[in-house]
N, C-alpha and C. Protein backbone atom coordinates (compact mmCIF):
# COMPACT_ATOMS: atom_id res chain seq x y z
N MET A 1 7.93 23.40 34.93
CA MET A 1 7.27 22.22 34.35
C MET A 1 6.86 22.78 32.91
N ILE A 2 6.67 23.61 32.51
CA ILE A 2 6.27 24.13 30.86
C ILE A 2 7.24 23.66 30.03
N GLY A 3 8.44 23.80 30.42
CA GLY A 3 9.70 23.58 29.76
C GLY A 3 10.15 22.27 29.62
N GLU A 4 9.77 21.16 30.74
CA GLU A 4 9.94 19.86 30.36
C GLU A 4 8.98 19.57 29.46
N LYS A 5 7.80 19.89 29.24
CA LYS A 5 6.77 19.40 28.43
C LYS A 5 7.32 19.62 26.94
N GLU A 6 7.71 20.92 26.78
CA GLU A 6 7.99 21.47 25.47
C GLU A 6 9.18 20.65 24.89
N GLU A 7 9.94 19.96 26.03
CA GLU A 7 11.23 19.17 25.57
C GLU A 7 10.63 17.89 25.20
N GLU A 8 9.90 17.31 25.94
CA GLU A 8 9.10 16.08 25.50
C GLU A 8 8.46 16.18 23.98
N VAL A 9 7.95 17.06 23.67
CA VAL A 9 7.14 17.51 22.33
C VAL A 9 8.44 17.56 21.44
N MET A 10 9.58 18.41 21.60
CA MET A 10 10.67 18.18 20.77
C MET A 10 11.31 17.17 20.39
N ALA A 11 11.36 16.16 21.34
CA ALA A 11 12.30 14.86 21.30
C ALA A 11 11.45 14.08 20.36
N ASP A 12 9.99 14.26 20.13
CA ASP A 12 9.29 13.45 19.29
C ASP A 12 9.13 14.10 17.65
N ILE A 13 10.05 15.13 17.46
CA ILE A 13 10.05 15.67 16.09
C ILE A 13 11.24 15.15 15.41
N CYS A 14 11.47 14.77 14.20
CA CYS A 14 12.69 14.35 13.41
C CYS A 14 13.43 15.57 13.12
N PRO A 15 14.76 15.75 13.36
CA PRO A 15 15.29 16.68 13.15
C PRO A 15 15.65 17.06 11.73
N THR A 16 15.66 15.79 10.94
CA THR A 16 15.71 15.82 9.66
C THR A 16 14.85 16.30 8.66
N CYS A 17 13.65 16.21 8.75
CA CYS A 17 12.20 16.32 8.16
C CYS A 17 11.56 17.25 9.10
N GLY A 18 11.61 17.48 10.23
CA GLY A 18 10.77 18.25 10.98
C GLY A 18 9.28 17.94 11.19
N LEU A 19 9.26 16.49 10.78
CA LEU A 19 7.76 15.98 10.94
C LEU A 19 7.76 15.24 12.42
N PRO A 20 6.47 14.88 13.15
CA PRO A 20 6.87 14.31 14.21
C PRO A 20 7.08 12.59 13.78
N LYS A 21 8.09 11.78 14.62
CA LYS A 21 8.41 10.84 14.55
C LYS A 21 7.57 9.63 13.90
N SER A 22 6.37 10.08 14.48
CA SER A 22 5.04 8.86 13.99
C SER A 22 5.05 8.95 12.70
N ILE A 23 5.13 9.98 11.70
CA ILE A 23 5.03 10.09 10.19
C ILE A 23 6.12 10.52 9.35
N CYS A 24 7.44 10.35 10.30
CA CYS A 24 8.42 10.78 9.64
C CYS A 24 8.72 9.98 8.12
N VAL A 25 9.43 10.56 7.15
CA VAL A 25 9.42 10.18 5.88
C VAL A 25 10.91 10.02 5.46
N CYS A 26 11.72 10.23 6.54
CA CYS A 26 13.36 10.03 6.28
C CYS A 26 13.70 8.77 5.90
N GLY A 27 13.29 7.59 6.33
CA GLY A 27 13.61 6.09 6.00
C GLY A 27 12.92 5.73 4.68
N THR A 28 11.76 6.46 4.05
CA THR A 28 11.29 6.28 2.98
C THR A 28 12.09 6.98 2.14
N ILE A 29 12.63 8.22 2.09
CA ILE A 29 13.30 8.61 0.98
C ILE A 29 14.64 8.12 1.03
N SER A 30 15.13 7.67 2.04
CA SER A 30 16.66 7.19 2.17
C SER A 30 16.53 5.84 1.09
N ARG A 31 15.07 4.79 1.29
CA ARG A 31 15.31 3.94 0.61
C ARG A 31 14.97 4.11 -0.95
N GLU A 32 14.32 5.15 -1.05
CA GLU A 32 14.12 5.53 -2.80
C GLU A 32 15.31 5.92 -3.35
N GLN A 33 16.33 6.57 -2.43
CA GLN A 33 17.65 7.04 -3.23
C GLN A 33 18.78 6.15 -3.29
N GLN A 34 18.69 4.96 -2.66
CA GLN A 34 19.89 4.23 -2.60
C GLN A 34 20.14 3.29 -3.77
N ARG A 35 21.22 2.98 -4.04
CA ARG A 35 21.39 2.13 -5.44
C ARG A 35 21.84 0.60 -4.89
N VAL A 36 20.80 -0.25 -4.97
CA VAL A 36 20.99 -1.39 -4.56
C VAL A 36 21.63 -2.45 -5.92
N LYS A 37 22.59 -3.30 -5.75
CA LYS A 37 22.99 -4.37 -6.59
C LYS A 37 22.70 -5.86 -5.77
N ILE A 38 22.15 -6.64 -6.74
CA ILE A 38 21.88 -8.03 -6.47
C ILE A 38 22.61 -8.75 -7.36
N LYS A 39 23.58 -9.44 -6.75
CA LYS A 39 24.45 -10.21 -7.82
C LYS A 39 24.71 -11.70 -7.14
N LEU A 40 25.10 -12.79 -7.88
CA LEU A 40 25.44 -14.02 -7.62
C LEU A 40 26.80 -14.37 -7.95
N GLU A 41 27.28 -14.81 -6.53
CA GLU A 41 28.89 -15.38 -6.61
C GLU A 41 28.82 -16.52 -6.07
N ARG A 42 30.09 -17.21 -6.66
CA ARG A 42 30.31 -18.76 -6.29
C ARG A 42 31.13 -18.53 -4.94
N ARG A 43 30.78 -19.54 -4.09
CA ARG A 43 31.71 -19.36 -2.89
C ARG A 43 32.26 -20.56 -2.78
N LYS A 44 32.58 -21.15 -1.76
CA LYS A 44 33.60 -22.41 -1.55
C LYS A 44 32.89 -23.67 -1.98
N TRP A 45 33.51 -24.35 -2.61
CA TRP A 45 32.94 -25.78 -3.27
C TRP A 45 31.97 -25.20 -4.35
N ASN A 46 31.94 -24.30 -4.92
CA ASN A 46 31.12 -23.78 -6.20
C ASN A 46 29.75 -23.64 -5.94
N LYS A 47 29.42 -23.19 -4.55
CA LYS A 47 28.07 -22.79 -4.03
C LYS A 47 27.72 -21.88 -4.32
N PRO A 48 26.38 -21.22 -4.74
CA PRO A 48 26.16 -20.05 -5.48
C PRO A 48 25.44 -19.37 -3.98
N THR A 49 25.50 -18.00 -4.24
CA THR A 49 25.47 -17.12 -3.14
C THR A 49 24.83 -15.78 -3.44
N THR A 50 23.69 -15.32 -3.37
CA THR A 50 23.12 -14.07 -3.54
C THR A 50 23.64 -13.03 -2.66
N VAL A 51 24.19 -12.08 -3.20
CA VAL A 51 24.96 -10.96 -2.73
C VAL A 51 24.25 -9.70 -2.84
N ILE A 52 23.48 -9.15 -1.68
CA ILE A 52 22.86 -7.90 -1.59
C ILE A 52 23.60 -6.73 -1.25
N GLU A 53 23.99 -5.69 -2.09
CA GLU A 53 24.96 -4.57 -1.39
C GLU A 53 24.16 -3.02 -1.64
N GLY A 54 24.95 -2.19 -1.23
CA GLY A 54 24.11 -0.80 -1.39
C GLY A 54 23.12 -0.57 -0.35
N LEU A 55 22.36 -1.32 0.69
CA LEU A 55 21.33 -1.03 1.56
C LEU A 55 22.07 -0.10 2.65
N ASN A 56 21.49 1.15 2.60
CA ASN A 56 21.86 1.95 3.57
C ASN A 56 21.38 1.58 5.20
N GLY A 57 21.88 1.79 6.12
CA GLY A 57 21.30 1.52 7.37
C GLY A 57 22.09 1.33 8.52
N THR A 58 21.93 0.98 9.56
CA THR A 58 22.45 0.64 10.76
C THR A 58 22.50 -1.11 10.41
N LYS A 59 23.55 -1.60 11.31
CA LYS A 59 23.70 -3.10 11.11
C LYS A 59 22.34 -3.70 11.74
N LYS A 60 21.96 -3.34 12.56
CA LYS A 60 20.78 -3.62 13.30
C LYS A 60 19.35 -3.68 12.13
N ASP A 61 19.56 -2.61 11.51
CA ASP A 61 18.24 -2.71 9.92
C ASP A 61 18.76 -3.53 9.21
N LEU A 62 19.97 -3.71 8.65
CA LEU A 62 20.39 -4.63 7.55
C LEU A 62 19.86 -6.11 8.22
N GLN A 63 20.21 -6.56 9.61
CA GLN A 63 19.84 -7.63 9.94
C GLN A 63 18.27 -7.82 9.84
N GLU A 64 17.48 -6.85 10.14
CA GLU A 64 16.21 -7.00 10.12
C GLU A 64 15.58 -7.32 8.70
N ILE A 65 16.22 -6.59 7.79
CA ILE A 65 15.96 -6.89 6.47
C ILE A 65 16.20 -8.05 6.04
N ALA A 66 17.70 -8.56 6.42
CA ALA A 66 18.05 -10.16 6.19
C ALA A 66 17.02 -11.22 6.39
N SER A 67 16.55 -10.82 7.99
CA SER A 67 15.91 -11.80 8.50
C SER A 67 14.40 -11.84 7.60
N ARG A 68 13.75 -10.73 7.10
CA ARG A 68 12.39 -10.57 6.33
C ARG A 68 13.15 -11.43 5.07
N LEU A 69 13.99 -11.26 4.40
CA LEU A 69 14.36 -11.94 3.12
C LEU A 69 14.44 -13.47 3.31
N LYS A 70 15.41 -13.75 4.46
CA LYS A 70 15.34 -15.05 4.50
C LYS A 70 13.80 -15.84 4.94
N THR A 71 13.24 -15.39 5.66
CA THR A 71 11.83 -15.85 5.70
C THR A 71 11.01 -15.85 4.28
N VAL A 72 11.05 -15.02 3.50
CA VAL A 72 10.40 -15.13 2.38
C VAL A 72 10.88 -15.96 1.36
N LEU A 73 12.40 -16.17 1.33
CA LEU A 73 13.06 -16.76 0.53
C LEU A 73 13.32 -18.29 0.88
N ALA A 74 13.22 -18.31 1.98
CA ALA A 74 13.46 -19.85 2.84
C ALA A 74 14.60 -20.14 2.34
N CYS A 75 15.49 -19.34 2.97
CA CYS A 75 17.17 -19.89 2.74
C CYS A 75 17.75 -19.33 3.86
N GLY A 76 19.03 -19.79 4.01
CA GLY A 76 19.91 -19.15 5.06
C GLY A 76 20.47 -17.84 4.47
N GLY A 77 21.17 -17.22 5.53
CA GLY A 77 21.91 -16.16 5.10
C GLY A 77 22.33 -15.18 6.28
N VAL A 78 23.29 -14.36 6.22
CA VAL A 78 24.06 -13.49 7.15
C VAL A 78 24.36 -11.79 6.63
N VAL A 79 24.48 -11.37 7.59
CA VAL A 79 24.96 -9.66 7.22
C VAL A 79 26.34 -9.68 7.45
N LYS A 80 27.05 -9.41 6.50
CA LYS A 80 28.64 -9.27 6.72
C LYS A 80 29.30 -8.11 6.15
N ASP A 81 30.10 -7.17 6.63
CA ASP A 81 30.56 -6.22 5.97
C ASP A 81 29.33 -5.40 5.12
N GLY A 82 28.07 -4.93 5.67
CA GLY A 82 27.37 -4.13 5.30
C GLY A 82 26.78 -4.68 4.21
N MET A 83 26.91 -5.99 3.74
CA MET A 83 26.14 -6.50 2.62
C MET A 83 25.49 -7.87 3.16
N ILE A 84 24.24 -8.32 2.30
CA ILE A 84 23.55 -9.42 2.85
C ILE A 84 23.80 -10.72 2.05
N LEU A 85 24.31 -11.70 2.52
CA LEU A 85 24.40 -12.93 1.91
C LEU A 85 23.67 -13.94 2.06
N LEU A 86 22.83 -14.18 1.12
CA LEU A 86 21.92 -15.41 1.14
C LEU A 86 22.34 -16.68 0.36
N GLN A 87 21.88 -17.89 0.78
CA GLN A 87 22.58 -19.26 0.37
C GLN A 87 21.42 -19.49 -1.00
N GLY A 88 22.31 -19.56 -1.91
CA GLY A 88 21.37 -20.22 -3.40
C GLY A 88 21.24 -19.13 -4.19
N ASP A 89 20.56 -18.97 -5.06
CA ASP A 89 20.30 -18.10 -6.30
C ASP A 89 18.97 -17.44 -6.23
N HIS A 90 18.99 -16.41 -5.64
CA HIS A 90 17.67 -15.67 -5.22
C HIS A 90 17.52 -14.38 -5.94
N ARG A 91 18.20 -14.09 -6.92
CA ARG A 91 18.03 -12.73 -7.63
C ARG A 91 16.99 -12.29 -7.75
N ASP A 92 15.86 -12.93 -8.56
CA ASP A 92 14.65 -12.40 -8.92
C ASP A 92 13.83 -12.17 -7.78
N LYS A 93 13.68 -13.32 -6.84
CA LYS A 93 13.09 -13.18 -5.93
C LYS A 93 13.22 -12.15 -4.89
N ALA A 94 14.63 -12.00 -4.69
CA ALA A 94 15.15 -10.99 -3.60
C ALA A 94 14.89 -9.54 -4.23
N LYS A 95 14.63 -9.33 -5.71
CA LYS A 95 14.56 -7.97 -6.09
C LYS A 95 12.94 -7.95 -5.79
N ASP A 96 12.13 -8.91 -5.92
CA ASP A 96 10.45 -8.64 -5.86
C ASP A 96 10.35 -8.15 -3.94
N ALA A 97 11.05 -8.87 -3.15
CA ALA A 97 10.94 -8.70 -1.88
C ALA A 97 11.64 -7.57 -1.45
N LEU A 98 12.40 -7.03 -2.05
CA LEU A 98 12.86 -5.86 -1.73
C LEU A 98 11.97 -4.57 -2.37
N LEU A 99 11.52 -4.93 -3.35
CA LEU A 99 10.40 -3.88 -3.89
C LEU A 99 8.99 -3.85 -3.05
N GLN A 100 8.87 -4.76 -1.92
CA GLN A 100 7.62 -4.90 -1.20
C GLN A 100 8.31 -4.15 0.09
N LEU A 101 9.68 -4.19 0.37
CA LEU A 101 10.10 -3.36 1.55
C LEU A 101 10.07 -1.95 1.06
N GLY A 102 9.94 -1.59 0.00
CA GLY A 102 9.89 -0.21 -0.34
C GLY A 102 11.06 0.69 -0.93
N VAL A 103 11.96 -0.24 -1.68
CA VAL A 103 12.97 -0.02 -2.30
C VAL A 103 12.45 0.46 -3.79
N SER A 104 13.01 1.40 -4.37
CA SER A 104 12.29 1.74 -5.70
C SER A 104 13.08 0.92 -6.79
N GLU A 105 12.31 0.52 -7.77
CA GLU A 105 12.63 -0.27 -8.63
C GLU A 105 13.58 0.08 -9.48
N GLU A 106 13.99 1.62 -10.02
CA GLU A 106 14.75 1.97 -10.88
C GLU A 106 16.15 1.92 -10.23
N ASN A 107 16.32 1.65 -8.81
CA ASN A 107 17.47 1.92 -7.87
C ASN A 107 17.98 0.53 -7.59
N ILE A 108 17.50 -0.65 -8.18
CA ILE A 108 17.76 -1.91 -8.12
C ILE A 108 18.43 -2.52 -9.10
N GLU A 109 19.60 -2.95 -9.32
CA GLU A 109 20.34 -3.30 -10.35
C GLU A 109 20.57 -4.78 -10.12
N VAL A 110 20.15 -5.62 -10.79
CA VAL A 110 20.50 -7.35 -10.60
C VAL A 110 21.27 -7.91 -11.88
N ILE A 111 22.67 -8.20 -11.29
CA ILE A 111 23.78 -8.59 -12.20
C ILE A 111 23.60 -10.12 -12.37
């Protein structure tokens, strides 16, 4: 019985940083170290599309970030091939929204 409780406690510790998962800082550190590019592309029928690339994470994480961005920017969008595509030109507003999500300003490049 004592061994089972020790395993439960060990499962709550992050293997990367060694802190309990409730106060784990790995996500924050990885967001601070990633290089994010925000650029404008013209798609079909010359429609503007804001492309955000360089965000690390699983597809679920990217979908969650895209959902927050779409809500804040009041636009449509999709996650495709590790990039977030937003309808319209939202480069400056997207940068502000990413800053609120914890991405470092030095690591965001707006093209």
